[in-house]
Amino acid sequence: MTQTDFAPTLPDESGRPGRKRDHTRDPEILQAALEVLSETGYDRMTVDMVAARAKAGKATLYRRWPSKAELITDAVACLHSGPALAELPDTGTLRGDLVAMVSQRTVADGERKLQVLLGLASVLVRSPELADSIRASFLEPRAAVTESLLRRAAERGEIRSDIDFRLLAKVSSSMVISRALLDHKPIDRAFLLSVIDEVVLPAVGLRAAG
């Protein structure tokens, strides 16, 4: 894994009282935390492992993140969630738009994020804060992209406008997570295309090409 695999972006701390924290090494540390989490799972990982991976002093990490939970919560919150809604593909058809989202890069990025989710599986029920971070940084943005493409298809008259777009978007996202967490199978292009052609399109009254 390279240092840009997870590409963490730092939360804005402007306006906080007191001396501003030095974020110089935070991206490397947060990425190291995500990498260790993906490899070992939450229960087995330690802050010391992250410090060793990031080649940072343990005292530095403990000053910034007094607990493992705080470190992972920040790391998960900094995950890139995908393209901005204004940057979504516009091919003229719903299927074309959805398929355009299934690029090699997005599949690989999704796999990495799912590995983070798998690493957190054992602790999500015990930590509402981590569950909220996963929901905000991974689940909601993924569903929002699908929902936006569905609404745009309705606006151009391709599908009905009385469909519960939010529910359908969450269903497709949940299928991805279920495959990773419960079936332990890869989220590859073939699977994502099957979700598009066998779930999303039939649900809105469309048929897959061919």
N, C-alpha and C. Protein backbone atom coordinates (compact mmCIF):
# COMPACT_ATOMS: atom_id res chain seq x y z
N MET A 1 0.82 -1.20 0.00
CA MET A 1 0.00 0.00 0.00
C MET A 1 0.86 1.25 0.00
N THR A 2 0.50 2.21 -0.76
CA THR A 2 1.25 3.46 -0.78
C THR A 2 0.65 4.44 0.20
N GLN A 3 1.33 5.54 0.44
CA GLN A 3 0.86 6.51 1.39
C GLN A 3 -0.38 7.23 0.94
N THR A 4 -0.73 7.13 -0.33
CA THR A 4 -1.92 7.83 -0.82
C THR A 4 -3.12 6.91 -1.00
N ASP A 5 -3.00 5.63 -0.60
CA ASP A 5 -4.09 4.69 -0.82
C ASP A 5 -5.40 5.16 -0.21
N PHE A 6 -5.33 5.61 1.04
CA PHE A 6 -6.55 6.04 1.70
C PHE A 6 -6.72 7.55 1.63
N ALA A 7 -5.68 8.28 1.28
CA ALA A 7 -5.72 9.73 1.08
C ALA A 7 -6.54 10.45 2.14
N PRO A 8 -6.16 10.35 3.43
CA PRO A 8 -6.95 11.02 4.44
C PRO A 8 -6.88 12.53 4.32
N THR A 9 -7.98 13.20 4.55
CA THR A 9 -8.01 14.65 4.61
C THR A 9 -8.36 15.05 6.02
N LEU A 10 -7.74 16.08 6.52
CA LEU A 10 -7.84 16.41 7.93
C LEU A 10 -9.03 17.29 8.23
N PRO A 11 -9.67 17.04 9.38
CA PRO A 11 -10.78 17.90 9.78
C PRO A 11 -10.31 19.30 10.08
N ASP A 12 -11.15 20.26 9.80
CA ASP A 12 -10.83 21.66 10.03
C ASP A 12 -10.95 22.00 11.51
N GLU A 13 -9.90 22.50 12.10
CA GLU A 13 -9.94 22.84 13.51
C GLU A 13 -9.92 24.34 13.72
N SER A 14 -10.18 25.10 12.66
CA SER A 14 -10.17 26.54 12.80
C SER A 14 -11.26 26.97 13.76
N GLY A 15 -10.98 27.97 14.53
CA GLY A 15 -11.95 28.48 15.47
C GLY A 15 -11.87 27.85 16.84
N ARG A 16 -11.07 26.78 17.00
CA ARG A 16 -10.94 26.18 18.32
C ARG A 16 -10.04 27.05 19.19
N PRO A 17 -10.35 27.15 20.47
CA PRO A 17 -9.52 27.94 21.36
C PRO A 17 -8.17 27.28 21.62
N GLY A 18 -7.21 28.07 22.05
CA GLY A 18 -5.90 27.53 22.41
C GLY A 18 -4.98 27.42 21.22
N ARG A 19 -3.81 26.81 21.47
CA ARG A 19 -2.80 26.67 20.42
C ARG A 19 -3.25 25.65 19.39
N LYS A 20 -3.10 26.01 18.11
CA LYS A 20 -3.53 25.12 17.04
C LYS A 20 -2.60 23.91 16.95
N ARG A 21 -3.20 22.74 16.80
CA ARG A 21 -2.43 21.50 16.72
C ARG A 21 -1.59 21.47 15.44
N ASP A 22 -0.39 20.93 15.56
CA ASP A 22 0.48 20.76 14.40
C ASP A 22 0.06 19.47 13.68
N HIS A 23 -0.46 19.63 12.47
CA HIS A 23 -0.97 18.48 11.71
C HIS A 23 0.05 17.93 10.72
N THR A 24 1.30 18.34 10.82
CA THR A 24 2.28 17.99 9.80
C THR A 24 2.31 16.51 9.47
N ARG A 25 2.28 15.65 10.50
CA ARG A 25 2.40 14.22 10.26
C ARG A 25 1.08 13.48 10.38
N ASP A 26 0.00 14.20 10.63
CA ASP A 26 -1.28 13.54 10.83
C ASP A 26 -1.72 12.66 9.66
N PRO A 27 -1.57 13.11 8.39
CA PRO A 27 -2.00 12.23 7.28
C PRO A 27 -1.30 10.88 7.30
N GLU A 28 0.01 10.87 7.56
CA GLU A 28 0.75 9.61 7.60
C GLU A 28 0.28 8.73 8.75
N ILE A 29 0.02 9.35 9.89
CA ILE A 29 -0.39 8.59 11.07
C ILE A 29 -1.79 8.01 10.88
N LEU A 30 -2.69 8.82 10.33
CA LEU A 30 -4.05 8.34 10.12
C LEU A 30 -4.09 7.23 9.08
N GLN A 31 -3.27 7.36 8.04
CA GLN A 31 -3.21 6.27 7.06
C GLN A 31 -2.62 5.01 7.68
N ALA A 32 -1.59 5.17 8.47
CA ALA A 32 -1.00 4.01 9.14
C ALA A 32 -2.03 3.32 10.02
N ALA A 33 -2.87 4.11 10.68
CA ALA A 33 -3.92 3.54 11.53
C ALA A 33 -4.89 2.72 10.69
N LEU A 34 -5.28 3.22 9.53
CA LEU A 34 -6.21 2.50 8.65
C LEU A 34 -5.58 1.22 8.11
N GLU A 35 -4.30 1.29 7.78
CA GLU A 35 -3.62 0.11 7.26
C GLU A 35 -3.53 -0.98 8.32
N VAL A 36 -3.12 -0.61 9.53
CA VAL A 36 -3.01 -1.59 10.61
C VAL A 36 -4.38 -2.16 10.94
N LEU A 37 -5.39 -1.31 10.98
CA LEU A 37 -6.75 -1.76 11.26
C LEU A 37 -7.19 -2.79 10.22
N SER A 38 -6.94 -2.52 8.94
CA SER A 38 -7.34 -3.43 7.87
C SER A 38 -6.64 -4.78 7.99
N GLU A 39 -5.39 -4.76 8.45
CA GLU A 39 -4.60 -5.99 8.52
C GLU A 39 -4.87 -6.82 9.76
N THR A 40 -5.15 -6.16 10.88
CA THR A 40 -5.24 -6.89 12.16
C THR A 40 -6.64 -6.92 12.76
N GLY A 41 -7.50 -5.99 12.36
CA GLY A 41 -8.78 -5.86 13.03
C GLY A 41 -8.63 -4.97 14.26
N TYR A 42 -9.74 -4.40 14.69
CA TYR A 42 -9.70 -3.42 15.77
C TYR A 42 -9.20 -4.02 17.09
N ASP A 43 -9.68 -5.19 17.44
CA ASP A 43 -9.35 -5.76 18.75
C ASP A 43 -7.86 -6.06 18.90
N ARG A 44 -7.21 -6.46 17.81
CA ARG A 44 -5.79 -6.84 17.89
C ARG A 44 -4.85 -5.65 17.69
N MET A 45 -5.32 -4.60 17.04
CA MET A 45 -4.43 -3.47 16.78
C MET A 45 -4.14 -2.69 18.05
N THR A 46 -2.98 -2.04 18.08
CA THR A 46 -2.60 -1.19 19.20
C THR A 46 -2.07 0.13 18.66
N VAL A 47 -2.09 1.14 19.52
CA VAL A 47 -1.52 2.43 19.13
C VAL A 47 -0.03 2.28 18.87
N ASP A 48 0.63 1.40 19.59
CA ASP A 48 2.05 1.16 19.37
C ASP A 48 2.31 0.64 17.96
N MET A 49 1.43 -0.24 17.46
CA MET A 49 1.59 -0.74 16.09
C MET A 49 1.50 0.40 15.08
N VAL A 50 0.56 1.31 15.33
CA VAL A 50 0.39 2.44 14.42
C VAL A 50 1.62 3.33 14.45
N ALA A 51 2.14 3.57 15.65
CA ALA A 51 3.34 4.41 15.78
C ALA A 51 4.51 3.79 15.01
N ALA A 52 4.66 2.47 15.12
CA ALA A 52 5.75 1.80 14.41
C ALA A 52 5.54 1.90 12.90
N ARG A 53 4.31 1.72 12.43
CA ARG A 53 4.04 1.79 10.99
C ARG A 53 4.29 3.19 10.46
N ALA A 54 3.92 4.20 11.24
CA ALA A 54 4.08 5.59 10.80
C ALA A 54 5.47 6.14 11.10
N LYS A 55 6.29 5.33 11.78
CA LYS A 55 7.63 5.78 12.21
C LYS A 55 7.51 7.09 13.01
N ALA A 56 6.58 7.06 13.94
CA ALA A 56 6.34 8.22 14.81
C ALA A 56 6.51 7.80 16.26
N GLY A 57 6.83 8.76 17.10
CA GLY A 57 6.98 8.47 18.51
C GLY A 57 5.64 8.13 19.15
N LYS A 58 5.65 7.15 20.05
CA LYS A 58 4.41 6.76 20.71
C LYS A 58 3.83 7.92 21.51
N ALA A 59 4.70 8.70 22.12
CA ALA A 59 4.22 9.83 22.91
C ALA A 59 3.46 10.83 22.04
N THR A 60 3.92 11.01 20.80
CA THR A 60 3.24 11.92 19.88
C THR A 60 1.81 11.47 19.63
N LEU A 61 1.63 10.18 19.38
CA LEU A 61 0.29 9.66 19.12
C LEU A 61 -0.60 9.77 20.36
N TYR A 62 -0.05 9.42 21.51
CA TYR A 62 -0.88 9.44 22.71
C TYR A 62 -1.26 10.86 23.13
N ARG A 63 -0.41 11.85 22.77
CA ARG A 63 -0.78 13.23 23.07
C ARG A 63 -1.95 13.68 22.20
N ARG A 64 -1.95 13.24 20.96
CA ARG A 64 -3.00 13.66 20.03
C ARG A 64 -4.26 12.81 20.17
N TRP A 65 -4.06 11.52 20.38
CA TRP A 65 -5.19 10.60 20.50
C TRP A 65 -4.98 9.75 21.75
N PRO A 66 -5.56 10.13 22.86
CA PRO A 66 -5.34 9.41 24.13
C PRO A 66 -5.80 7.96 24.11
N SER A 67 -6.66 7.59 23.16
CA SER A 67 -7.12 6.20 23.11
C SER A 67 -7.15 5.71 21.66
N LYS A 68 -7.15 4.39 21.52
CA LYS A 68 -7.24 3.77 20.20
C LYS A 68 -8.55 4.16 19.52
N ALA A 69 -9.63 4.20 20.29
CA ALA A 69 -10.94 4.54 19.71
C ALA A 69 -10.93 5.94 19.11
N GLU A 70 -10.30 6.90 19.79
CA GLU A 70 -10.25 8.27 19.27
C GLU A 70 -9.41 8.33 18.00
N LEU A 71 -8.31 7.59 17.97
CA LEU A 71 -7.46 7.57 16.78
C LEU A 71 -8.21 7.00 15.58
N ILE A 72 -8.89 5.87 15.77
CA ILE A 72 -9.60 5.24 14.66
C ILE A 72 -10.81 6.06 14.24
N THR A 73 -11.49 6.69 15.19
CA THR A 73 -12.63 7.54 14.84
C THR A 73 -12.19 8.67 13.92
N ASP A 74 -11.04 9.31 14.24
CA ASP A 74 -10.52 10.37 13.39
C ASP A 74 -10.08 9.83 12.02
N ALA A 75 -9.44 8.66 12.03
CA ALA A 75 -8.95 8.08 10.77
C ALA A 75 -10.12 7.75 9.85
N VAL A 76 -11.15 7.13 10.38
CA VAL A 76 -12.31 6.77 9.56
C VAL A 76 -13.02 8.02 9.05
N ALA A 77 -13.11 9.04 9.90
CA ALA A 77 -13.79 10.29 9.51
C ALA A 77 -13.05 10.99 8.37
N CYS A 78 -11.77 10.70 8.20
CA CYS A 78 -10.98 11.37 7.17
C CYS A 78 -10.91 10.61 5.85
N LEU A 79 -11.58 9.47 5.78
CA LEU A 79 -11.58 8.73 4.52
C LEU A 79 -12.27 9.53 3.43
N HIS A 80 -11.68 9.52 2.23
CA HIS A 80 -12.37 10.12 1.09
C HIS A 80 -13.60 9.29 0.80
N SER A 81 -14.70 9.94 0.47
CA SER A 81 -15.97 9.23 0.27
C SER A 81 -16.33 9.05 -1.19
N GLY A 82 -15.54 9.54 -2.11
CA GLY A 82 -15.87 9.41 -3.52
C GLY A 82 -16.05 10.77 -4.17
N PRO A 83 -16.52 10.78 -5.40
CA PRO A 83 -16.62 12.04 -6.13
C PRO A 83 -17.70 12.94 -5.58
N ALA A 84 -17.51 14.24 -5.75
CA ALA A 84 -18.56 15.19 -5.39
C ALA A 84 -19.73 14.99 -6.33
N LEU A 85 -20.94 15.28 -5.84
CA LEU A 85 -22.13 15.05 -6.66
C LEU A 85 -22.06 15.82 -7.98
N ALA A 86 -21.43 17.00 -7.97
CA ALA A 86 -21.33 17.80 -9.20
C ALA A 86 -20.40 17.16 -10.22
N GLU A 87 -19.56 16.18 -9.80
CA GLU A 87 -18.60 15.55 -10.69
C GLU A 87 -19.06 14.19 -11.19
N LEU A 88 -20.29 13.82 -10.92
CA LEU A 88 -20.78 12.51 -11.33
C LEU A 88 -20.91 12.43 -12.86
N PRO A 89 -20.73 11.23 -13.43
CA PRO A 89 -20.85 11.09 -14.88
C PRO A 89 -22.27 11.38 -15.35
N ASP A 90 -22.39 11.90 -16.57
CA ASP A 90 -23.70 12.17 -17.15
C ASP A 90 -23.69 11.63 -18.57
N THR A 91 -24.04 10.34 -18.71
CA THR A 91 -23.97 9.68 -20.01
C THR A 91 -25.28 9.78 -20.78
N GLY A 92 -26.32 10.23 -20.12
CA GLY A 92 -27.63 10.33 -20.77
C GLY A 92 -28.57 9.21 -20.41
N THR A 93 -28.05 8.15 -19.77
CA THR A 93 -28.92 7.05 -19.33
C THR A 93 -28.52 6.67 -17.90
N LEU A 94 -29.48 6.13 -17.16
CA LEU A 94 -29.20 5.71 -15.79
C LEU A 94 -28.17 4.59 -15.76
N ARG A 95 -28.34 3.59 -16.61
CA ARG A 95 -27.38 2.49 -16.61
C ARG A 95 -25.99 2.99 -16.98
N GLY A 96 -25.92 3.84 -17.98
CA GLY A 96 -24.62 4.38 -18.37
C GLY A 96 -23.95 5.11 -17.23
N ASP A 97 -24.72 5.90 -16.49
CA ASP A 97 -24.16 6.63 -15.36
C ASP A 97 -23.67 5.68 -14.28
N LEU A 98 -24.50 4.67 -13.95
CA LEU A 98 -24.12 3.72 -12.90
C LEU A 98 -22.89 2.91 -13.30
N VAL A 99 -22.86 2.47 -14.55
CA VAL A 99 -21.71 1.68 -15.02
C VAL A 99 -20.46 2.53 -15.04
N ALA A 100 -20.59 3.81 -15.40
CA ALA A 100 -19.43 4.70 -15.43
C ALA A 100 -18.81 4.86 -14.04
N MET A 101 -19.61 4.65 -13.01
CA MET A 101 -19.07 4.74 -11.64
C MET A 101 -18.26 3.51 -11.27
N VAL A 102 -18.42 2.42 -12.03
CA VAL A 102 -17.73 1.17 -11.70
C VAL A 102 -16.41 1.10 -12.45
N SER A 103 -15.52 2.02 -12.19
CA SER A 103 -14.19 2.01 -12.81
C SER A 103 -13.25 1.17 -11.96
N GLN A 104 -12.11 0.82 -12.54
CA GLN A 104 -11.13 0.04 -11.79
C GLN A 104 -10.70 0.77 -10.53
N ARG A 105 -10.57 2.09 -10.64
CA ARG A 105 -10.13 2.88 -9.49
C ARG A 105 -11.18 2.87 -8.38
N THR A 106 -12.46 3.05 -8.75
CA THR A 106 -13.50 3.09 -7.73
C THR A 106 -13.69 1.73 -7.09
N VAL A 107 -13.53 0.66 -7.87
CA VAL A 107 -13.64 -0.69 -7.31
C VAL A 107 -12.52 -0.92 -6.30
N ALA A 108 -11.29 -0.54 -6.66
CA ALA A 108 -10.16 -0.72 -5.75
C ALA A 108 -10.33 0.13 -4.50
N ASP A 109 -10.79 1.36 -4.67
CA ASP A 109 -11.00 2.24 -3.53
C ASP A 109 -12.08 1.67 -2.62
N GLY A 110 -13.14 1.15 -3.22
CA GLY A 110 -14.20 0.55 -2.42
C GLY A 110 -13.72 -0.67 -1.66
N GLU A 111 -12.87 -1.47 -2.27
CA GLU A 111 -12.32 -2.64 -1.59
C GLU A 111 -11.50 -2.23 -0.36
N ARG A 112 -10.70 -1.19 -0.51
CA ARG A 112 -9.89 -0.73 0.63
C ARG A 112 -10.78 -0.26 1.77
N LYS A 113 -11.83 0.47 1.43
CA LYS A 113 -12.72 0.96 2.48
C LYS A 113 -13.48 -0.18 3.15
N LEU A 114 -13.83 -1.19 2.36
CA LEU A 114 -14.49 -2.34 2.96
C LEU A 114 -13.56 -3.11 3.88
N GLN A 115 -12.28 -3.13 3.57
CA GLN A 115 -11.32 -3.76 4.48
C GLN A 115 -11.28 -3.03 5.82
N VAL A 116 -11.39 -1.70 5.77
CA VAL A 116 -11.49 -0.93 7.01
C VAL A 116 -12.75 -1.32 7.76
N LEU A 117 -13.85 -1.43 7.04
CA LEU A 117 -15.12 -1.81 7.67
C LEU A 117 -15.02 -3.20 8.29
N LEU A 118 -14.39 -4.14 7.60
CA LEU A 118 -14.21 -5.48 8.14
C LEU A 118 -13.36 -5.44 9.41
N GLY A 119 -12.35 -4.58 9.41
CA GLY A 119 -11.51 -4.45 10.60
C GLY A 119 -12.27 -3.93 11.80
N LEU A 120 -13.35 -3.18 11.55
CA LEU A 120 -14.14 -2.60 12.63
C LEU A 120 -15.35 -3.44 13.02
N ALA A 121 -15.58 -4.53 12.30
CA ALA A 121 -16.81 -5.30 12.50
C ALA A 121 -17.03 -5.70 13.95
N SER A 122 -15.97 -6.07 14.64
CA SER A 122 -16.12 -6.59 16.00
C SER A 122 -16.45 -5.52 17.02
N VAL A 123 -16.24 -4.25 16.66
CA VAL A 123 -16.42 -3.19 17.66
C VAL A 123 -17.58 -2.25 17.36
N LEU A 124 -18.15 -2.33 16.17
CA LEU A 124 -19.19 -1.37 15.79
C LEU A 124 -20.39 -1.40 16.73
N VAL A 125 -20.77 -2.58 17.18
CA VAL A 125 -21.93 -2.66 18.07
C VAL A 125 -21.61 -2.11 19.46
N ARG A 126 -20.32 -2.05 19.80
CA ARG A 126 -19.93 -1.55 21.12
C ARG A 126 -19.60 -0.08 21.11
N SER A 127 -19.41 0.50 19.94
CA SER A 127 -18.97 1.89 19.86
C SER A 127 -19.88 2.69 18.94
N PRO A 128 -20.86 3.40 19.48
CA PRO A 128 -21.72 4.25 18.64
C PRO A 128 -20.93 5.31 17.88
N GLU A 129 -19.84 5.81 18.47
CA GLU A 129 -19.05 6.84 17.80
C GLU A 129 -18.42 6.30 16.52
N LEU A 130 -17.86 5.09 16.58
CA LEU A 130 -17.26 4.51 15.39
C LEU A 130 -18.34 4.16 14.36
N ALA A 131 -19.48 3.66 14.83
CA ALA A 131 -20.57 3.36 13.91
C ALA A 131 -21.02 4.63 13.19
N ASP A 132 -21.09 5.74 13.92
CA ASP A 132 -21.48 7.02 13.31
C ASP A 132 -20.45 7.46 12.27
N SER A 133 -19.16 7.26 12.58
CA SER A 133 -18.10 7.64 11.64
C SER A 133 -18.20 6.83 10.36
N ILE A 134 -18.42 5.51 10.48
CA ILE A 134 -18.57 4.65 9.31
C ILE A 134 -19.77 5.09 8.48
N ARG A 135 -20.87 5.37 9.16
CA ARG A 135 -22.09 5.78 8.46
C ARG A 135 -21.86 7.09 7.70
N ALA A 136 -21.21 8.05 8.36
CA ALA A 136 -21.03 9.37 7.76
C ALA A 136 -19.97 9.38 6.66
N SER A 137 -18.92 8.58 6.80
CA SER A 137 -17.82 8.65 5.84
C SER A 137 -17.91 7.63 4.73
N PHE A 138 -18.70 6.59 4.91
CA PHE A 138 -18.74 5.52 3.91
C PHE A 138 -20.15 5.23 3.41
N LEU A 139 -21.07 4.93 4.31
CA LEU A 139 -22.39 4.49 3.88
C LEU A 139 -23.21 5.62 3.27
N GLU A 140 -23.32 6.72 3.97
CA GLU A 140 -24.16 7.82 3.49
C GLU A 140 -23.67 8.40 2.17
N PRO A 141 -22.37 8.69 2.02
CA PRO A 141 -21.91 9.22 0.73
C PRO A 141 -22.13 8.26 -0.43
N ARG A 142 -21.94 6.96 -0.18
CA ARG A 142 -22.14 5.97 -1.24
C ARG A 142 -23.60 5.95 -1.68
N ALA A 143 -24.50 5.97 -0.70
CA ALA A 143 -25.93 5.98 -1.02
C ALA A 143 -26.33 7.29 -1.70
N ALA A 144 -25.72 8.39 -1.28
CA ALA A 144 -26.06 9.70 -1.85
C ALA A 144 -25.72 9.76 -3.34
N VAL A 145 -24.62 9.12 -3.73
CA VAL A 145 -24.24 9.10 -5.15
C VAL A 145 -25.31 8.38 -5.97
N THR A 146 -25.69 7.17 -5.52
CA THR A 146 -26.71 6.40 -6.24
C THR A 146 -28.03 7.15 -6.27
N GLU A 147 -28.41 7.73 -5.15
CA GLU A 147 -29.66 8.48 -5.09
C GLU A 147 -29.65 9.66 -6.07
N SER A 148 -28.53 10.36 -6.16
CA SER A 148 -28.42 11.50 -7.07
C SER A 148 -28.59 11.06 -8.52
N LEU A 149 -27.99 9.93 -8.90
CA LEU A 149 -28.12 9.43 -10.26
C LEU A 149 -29.55 9.00 -10.55
N LEU A 150 -30.21 8.42 -9.57
CA LEU A 150 -31.61 8.03 -9.75
C LEU A 150 -32.50 9.25 -9.94
N ARG A 151 -32.30 10.26 -9.12
CA ARG A 151 -33.13 11.47 -9.22
C ARG A 151 -32.91 12.18 -10.56
N ARG A 152 -31.67 12.17 -11.03
CA ARG A 152 -31.40 12.82 -12.32
C ARG A 152 -32.09 12.07 -13.46
N ALA A 153 -32.13 10.73 -13.34
CA ALA A 153 -32.82 9.93 -14.36
C ALA A 153 -34.32 10.24 -14.35
N ALA A 154 -34.87 10.48 -13.16
CA ALA A 154 -36.29 10.84 -13.07
C ALA A 154 -36.54 12.22 -13.66
N GLU A 155 -35.63 13.13 -13.44
CA GLU A 155 -35.79 14.49 -13.96
C GLU A 155 -35.79 14.53 -15.48
N ARG A 156 -35.05 13.63 -16.11
CA ARG A 156 -35.04 13.63 -17.57
C ARG A 156 -36.12 12.70 -18.14
N GLY A 157 -36.97 12.16 -17.26
CA GLY A 157 -38.10 11.36 -17.72
C GLY A 157 -37.79 9.92 -18.03
N GLU A 158 -36.62 9.45 -17.63
CA GLU A 158 -36.24 8.07 -17.95
C GLU A 158 -36.94 7.08 -17.03
N ILE A 159 -37.16 7.44 -15.78
CA ILE A 159 -37.83 6.58 -14.81
C ILE A 159 -38.91 7.38 -14.08
N ARG A 160 -39.77 6.69 -13.35
CA ARG A 160 -40.82 7.35 -12.60
C ARG A 160 -40.23 8.19 -11.47
N SER A 161 -40.97 9.21 -11.09
CA SER A 161 -40.49 10.09 -10.01
C SER A 161 -41.04 9.72 -8.65
N ASP A 162 -41.95 8.73 -8.58
CA ASP A 162 -42.56 8.37 -7.30
C ASP A 162 -41.87 7.20 -6.62
N ILE A 163 -40.68 6.86 -7.09
CA ILE A 163 -39.89 5.77 -6.49
C ILE A 163 -39.18 6.27 -5.23
N ASP A 164 -39.04 5.41 -4.25
CA ASP A 164 -38.29 5.77 -3.04
C ASP A 164 -36.80 5.63 -3.36
N PHE A 165 -36.23 6.70 -3.90
CA PHE A 165 -34.83 6.66 -4.35
C PHE A 165 -33.88 6.41 -3.18
N ARG A 166 -34.16 7.00 -2.05
CA ARG A 166 -33.28 6.84 -0.89
C ARG A 166 -33.24 5.38 -0.44
N LEU A 167 -34.40 4.75 -0.39
CA LEU A 167 -34.45 3.34 0.02
C LEU A 167 -33.69 2.46 -0.95
N LEU A 168 -33.89 2.66 -2.25
CA LEU A 168 -33.21 1.85 -3.25
C LEU A 168 -31.70 2.05 -3.19
N ALA A 169 -31.26 3.29 -2.96
CA ALA A 169 -29.83 3.57 -2.85
C ALA A 169 -29.24 2.84 -1.65
N LYS A 170 -29.97 2.81 -0.54
CA LYS A 170 -29.47 2.13 0.65
C LYS A 170 -29.46 0.62 0.47
N VAL A 171 -30.43 0.10 -0.25
CA VAL A 171 -30.47 -1.34 -0.51
C VAL A 171 -29.24 -1.78 -1.29
N SER A 172 -28.91 -1.05 -2.34
CA SER A 172 -27.75 -1.43 -3.15
C SER A 172 -26.46 -1.32 -2.35
N SER A 173 -26.34 -0.29 -1.52
CA SER A 173 -25.14 -0.14 -0.68
C SER A 173 -25.07 -1.27 0.34
N SER A 174 -26.22 -1.64 0.90
CA SER A 174 -26.25 -2.70 1.90
C SER A 174 -25.85 -4.04 1.30
N MET A 175 -26.18 -4.27 0.03
CA MET A 175 -25.78 -5.51 -0.63
C MET A 175 -24.26 -5.62 -0.73
N VAL A 176 -23.62 -4.48 -1.00
CA VAL A 176 -22.16 -4.47 -1.08
C VAL A 176 -21.56 -4.84 0.27
N ILE A 177 -22.07 -4.23 1.33
CA ILE A 177 -21.54 -4.48 2.67
C ILE A 177 -21.82 -5.91 3.11
N SER A 178 -23.01 -6.41 2.80
CA SER A 178 -23.36 -7.78 3.16
C SER A 178 -22.43 -8.78 2.48
N ARG A 179 -22.11 -8.52 1.21
CA ARG A 179 -21.21 -9.44 0.49
C ARG A 179 -19.85 -9.49 1.16
N ALA A 180 -19.37 -8.34 1.60
CA ALA A 180 -18.05 -8.30 2.23
C ALA A 180 -18.07 -8.89 3.64
N LEU A 181 -19.05 -8.48 4.46
CA LEU A 181 -19.07 -8.87 5.86
C LEU A 181 -19.56 -10.29 6.08
N LEU A 182 -20.60 -10.68 5.36
CA LEU A 182 -21.24 -11.97 5.62
C LEU A 182 -20.80 -13.06 4.65
N ASP A 183 -20.65 -12.72 3.37
CA ASP A 183 -20.28 -13.73 2.38
C ASP A 183 -18.77 -13.86 2.21
N HIS A 184 -18.03 -12.84 2.67
CA HIS A 184 -16.56 -12.84 2.54
C HIS A 184 -16.12 -13.03 1.09
N LYS A 185 -16.80 -12.31 0.21
CA LYS A 185 -16.47 -12.36 -1.21
C LYS A 185 -16.03 -10.98 -1.69
N PRO A 186 -15.23 -10.92 -2.75
CA PRO A 186 -14.72 -9.63 -3.22
C PRO A 186 -15.80 -8.77 -3.85
N ILE A 187 -15.63 -7.46 -3.73
CA ILE A 187 -16.53 -6.51 -4.38
C ILE A 187 -15.90 -6.15 -5.71
N ASP A 188 -16.08 -7.02 -6.70
CA ASP A 188 -15.45 -6.80 -8.00
C ASP A 188 -16.44 -6.19 -8.99
N ARG A 189 -15.94 -5.90 -10.18
CA ARG A 189 -16.76 -5.25 -11.19
C ARG A 189 -17.97 -6.10 -11.58
N ALA A 190 -17.76 -7.41 -11.70
CA ALA A 190 -18.86 -8.29 -12.09
C ALA A 190 -20.00 -8.23 -11.07
N PHE A 191 -19.66 -8.21 -9.79
CA PHE A 191 -20.70 -8.14 -8.77
C PHE A 191 -21.44 -6.81 -8.83
N LEU A 192 -20.70 -5.72 -8.96
CA LEU A 192 -21.32 -4.40 -8.98
C LEU A 192 -22.23 -4.25 -10.20
N LEU A 193 -21.82 -4.79 -11.34
CA LEU A 193 -22.68 -4.74 -12.53
C LEU A 193 -23.94 -5.58 -12.33
N SER A 194 -23.82 -6.69 -11.62
CA SER A 194 -25.00 -7.52 -11.37
C SER A 194 -25.99 -6.79 -10.46
N VAL A 195 -25.49 -6.00 -9.51
CA VAL A 195 -26.38 -5.20 -8.67
C VAL A 195 -27.12 -4.17 -9.52
N ILE A 196 -26.40 -3.55 -10.44
CA ILE A 196 -27.03 -2.56 -11.32
C ILE A 196 -28.11 -3.22 -12.18
N ASP A 197 -27.75 -4.33 -12.85
CA ASP A 197 -28.64 -4.93 -13.86
C ASP A 197 -29.75 -5.79 -13.27
N GLU A 198 -29.52 -6.37 -12.09
CA GLU A 198 -30.49 -7.31 -11.54
C GLU A 198 -31.25 -6.75 -10.34
N VAL A 199 -30.82 -5.61 -9.83
CA VAL A 199 -31.51 -5.03 -8.67
C VAL A 199 -31.99 -3.61 -8.96
N VAL A 200 -31.06 -2.72 -9.26
CA VAL A 200 -31.42 -1.31 -9.39
C VAL A 200 -32.32 -1.06 -10.60
N LEU A 201 -31.88 -1.52 -11.78
CA LEU A 201 -32.67 -1.24 -12.99
C LEU A 201 -34.07 -1.87 -12.94
N PRO A 202 -34.22 -3.17 -12.57
CA PRO A 202 -35.57 -3.72 -12.47
C PRO A 202 -36.44 -2.98 -11.46
N ALA A 203 -35.83 -2.48 -10.38
CA ALA A 203 -36.60 -1.78 -9.35
C ALA A 203 -37.21 -0.47 -9.87
N VAL A 204 -36.59 0.11 -10.89
CA VAL A 204 -37.12 1.36 -11.44
C VAL A 204 -37.82 1.15 -12.78
N GLY A 205 -38.00 -0.13 -13.14
CA GLY A 205 -38.75 -0.43 -14.37
C GLY A 205 -37.93 -0.43 -15.64
N LEU A 206 -36.61 -0.57 -15.52
CA LEU A 206 -35.75 -0.60 -16.71
C LEU A 206 -35.15 -1.99 -16.89
N ARG A 207 -34.73 -2.27 -18.10
CA ARG A 207 -34.04 -3.53 -18.38
C ARG A 207 -32.60 -3.25 -18.76
N ALA A 208 -31.72 -4.16 -18.39
CA ALA A 208 -30.32 -4.02 -18.76
C ALA A 208 -30.17 -4.17 -20.26
N ALA A 209 -29.17 -3.47 -20.81
CA ALA A 209 -28.92 -3.57 -22.25
C ALA A 209 -28.62 -5.02 -22.63
N GLY A 210 -29.27 -5.50 -23.69
CA GLY A 210 -29.02 -6.86 -24.16
C GLY A 210 -29.76 -7.91 -23.36
